[in-house]
Amino acid sequence: MITAFVLLKVKRGGELGITDSIKKMAEVQDVSLLYGEYDAILKIKSKTMESLQDFLVNKLRKVDGIDKTATLISNNPT
């Protein structure tokens, strides 16, 4: 199982609406709003790198209002 953290920058004022819709996605384990350069962080669980890529490219990045993402893949084996 792969764990990844995704940082999001969203359009001004859209944080709550976007995070509410993202929480419903099966791959998303947790969503937290942030203060600073990024607006939110997601914890993602995926079975393979291919399924992680599919989630990022075909689901997450197609959400209207997301301006930028940065994905960090965890090296923690548990």
C-alpha atoms as a PDB file:
ATOM      1  CA  MET A   1       0.000   0.000   0.000  1.00  0.00           C
ATOM      2  CA  ILE A   2       1.307   3.433  -0.953  1.00  0.00           C
ATOM      3  CA  THR A   3       0.722   6.477   1.237  1.00  0.00           C
ATOM      4  CA  ALA A   4       1.034   9.913  -0.306  1.00  0.00           C
ATOM      5  CA  PHE A   5       0.385  13.421   0.919  1.00  0.00           C
ATOM      6  CA  VAL A   6      -0.899  15.988  -1.557  1.00  0.00           C
ATOM      7  CA  LEU A   7      -0.615  19.720  -0.947  1.00  0.00           C
ATOM      8  CA  LEU A   8      -3.274  21.837  -2.656  1.00  0.00           C
ATOM      9  CA  LYS A   9      -3.511  25.463  -3.686  1.00  0.00           C
ATOM     10  CA  VAL A  10      -7.078  26.420  -4.494  1.00  0.00           C
ATOM     11  CA  LYS A  11      -8.864  29.476  -5.843  1.00  0.00           C
ATOM     12  CA  ARG A  12      -9.420  32.103  -3.171  1.00  0.00           C
ATOM     13  CA  GLY A  13     -12.494  31.355  -1.083  1.00  0.00           C
ATOM     14  CA  GLY A  14     -12.954  27.853  -2.469  1.00  0.00           C
ATOM     15  CA  GLU A  15     -11.242  25.870   0.278  1.00  0.00           C
ATOM     16  CA  LEU A  16     -14.332  24.540   2.065  1.00  0.00           C
ATOM     17  CA  GLY A  17     -16.248  23.529  -1.051  1.00  0.00           C
ATOM     18  CA  ILE A  18     -13.286  21.761  -2.605  1.00  0.00           C
ATOM     19  CA  THR A  19     -12.291  19.904   0.548  1.00  0.00           C
ATOM     20  CA  ASP A  20     -15.887  18.767   1.088  1.00  0.00           C
ATOM     21  CA  SER A  21     -16.013  17.226  -2.395  1.00  0.00           C
ATOM     22  CA  ILE A  22     -12.533  15.686  -2.116  1.00  0.00           C
ATOM     23  CA  LYS A  23     -13.393  13.980   1.201  1.00  0.00           C
ATOM     24  CA  LYS A  24     -15.888  11.830  -0.704  1.00  0.00           C
ATOM     25  CA  MET A  25     -13.196  10.271  -2.934  1.00  0.00           C
ATOM     26  CA  ALA A  26     -12.359   6.684  -1.930  1.00  0.00           C
ATOM     27  CA  GLU A  27      -8.576   7.207  -2.030  1.00  0.00           C
ATOM     28  CA  VAL A  28      -8.662  10.159   0.382  1.00  0.00           C
ATOM     29  CA  GLN A  29      -8.044   9.144   3.991  1.00  0.00           C
ATOM     30  CA  ASP A  30      -7.857  12.612   5.535  1.00  0.00           C
ATOM     31  CA  VAL A  31      -8.146  16.281   4.579  1.00  0.00           C
ATOM     32  CA  SER A  32      -6.852  19.224   6.608  1.00  0.00           C
ATOM     33  CA  LEU A  33      -6.972  22.924   5.843  1.00  0.00           C
ATOM     34  CA  LEU A  34      -3.667  24.776   6.172  1.00  0.00           C
ATOM     35  CA  TYR A  35      -2.440  28.318   6.695  1.00  0.00           C
ATOM     36  CA  GLY A  36       0.492  29.374   4.562  1.00  0.00           C
ATOM     37  CA  GLU A  37       1.661  28.714   1.027  1.00  0.00           C
ATOM     38  CA  TYR A  38      -0.759  25.789   0.535  1.00  0.00           C
ATOM     39  CA  ASP A  39      -4.444  25.693   1.418  1.00  0.00           C
ATOM     40  CA  ALA A  40      -4.998  22.007   2.214  1.00  0.00           C
ATOM     41  CA  ILE A  41      -3.217  18.690   2.633  1.00  0.00           C
ATOM     42  CA  LEU A  42      -4.652  15.298   1.716  1.00  0.00           C
ATOM     43  CA  LYS A  43      -3.582  11.866   2.917  1.00  0.00           C
ATOM     44  CA  ILE A  44      -3.991   9.354   0.100  1.00  0.00           C
ATOM     45  CA  LYS A  45      -3.837   5.544   0.172  1.00  0.00           C
ATOM     46  CA  SER A  46      -3.319   3.670  -3.064  1.00  0.00           C
ATOM     47  CA  LYS A  47      -2.545   0.038  -3.900  1.00  0.00           C
ATOM     48  CA  THR A  48      -0.030   0.801  -6.660  1.00  0.00           C
ATOM     49  CA  MET A  49       1.889   3.695  -8.170  1.00  0.00           C
ATOM     50  CA  GLU A  50      -0.280   3.320 -11.264  1.00  0.00           C
ATOM     51  CA  SER A  51      -3.485   3.719  -9.270  1.00  0.00           C
ATOM     52  CA  LEU A  52      -1.978   6.726  -7.462  1.00  0.00           C
ATOM     53  CA  GLN A  53      -1.124   8.300 -10.796  1.00  0.00           C
ATOM     54  CA  ASP A  54      -4.634   7.584 -12.076  1.00  0.00           C
ATOM     55  CA  PHE A  55      -6.155   9.249  -9.006  1.00  0.00           C
ATOM     56  CA  LEU A  56      -3.936  12.329  -9.317  1.00  0.00           C
ATOM     57  CA  VAL A  57      -4.283  12.826 -13.059  1.00  0.00           C
ATOM     58  CA  ASN A  58      -7.819  11.664 -13.755  1.00  0.00           C
ATOM     59  CA  LYS A  59      -9.663  12.583 -10.561  1.00  0.00           C
ATOM     60  CA  LEU A  60      -7.952  15.110  -8.311  1.00  0.00           C
ATOM     61  CA  ARG A  61      -6.473  17.460 -10.901  1.00  0.00           C
ATOM     62  CA  LYS A  62      -9.818  17.633 -12.693  1.00  0.00           C
ATOM     63  CA  VAL A  63     -11.557  19.144  -9.650  1.00  0.00           C
ATOM     64  CA  ASP A  64     -12.586  22.667 -10.577  1.00  0.00           C
ATOM     65  CA  GLY A  65     -10.899  25.258  -8.385  1.00  0.00           C
ATOM     66  CA  ILE A  66      -7.615  23.465  -7.722  1.00  0.00           C
ATOM     67  CA  ASP A  67      -4.785  25.667  -8.981  1.00  0.00           C
ATOM     68  CA  LYS A  68      -1.747  23.596  -7.997  1.00  0.00           C
ATOM     69  CA  THR A  69      -0.819  20.284  -6.392  1.00  0.00           C
ATOM     70  CA  ALA A  70       2.402  18.926  -4.909  1.00  0.00           C
ATOM     71  CA  THR A  71       2.579  15.201  -4.172  1.00  0.00           C
ATOM     72  CA  LEU A  72       4.844  13.724  -1.499  1.00  0.00           C
ATOM     73  CA  ILE A  73       5.133   9.933  -1.431  1.00  0.00           C
ATOM     74  CA  SER A  74       5.823   8.470   1.994  1.00  0.00           C
ATOM     75  CA  ASN A  75       8.752   6.133   2.535  1.00  0.00           C
ATOM     76  CA  ASN A  76       7.181   4.692   5.691  1.00  0.00           C
ATOM     77  CA  PRO A  77       6.678   0.951   5.078  1.00  0.00           C
ATOM     78  CA  THR A  78       3.812   0.618   7.576  1.00  0.00           C
END
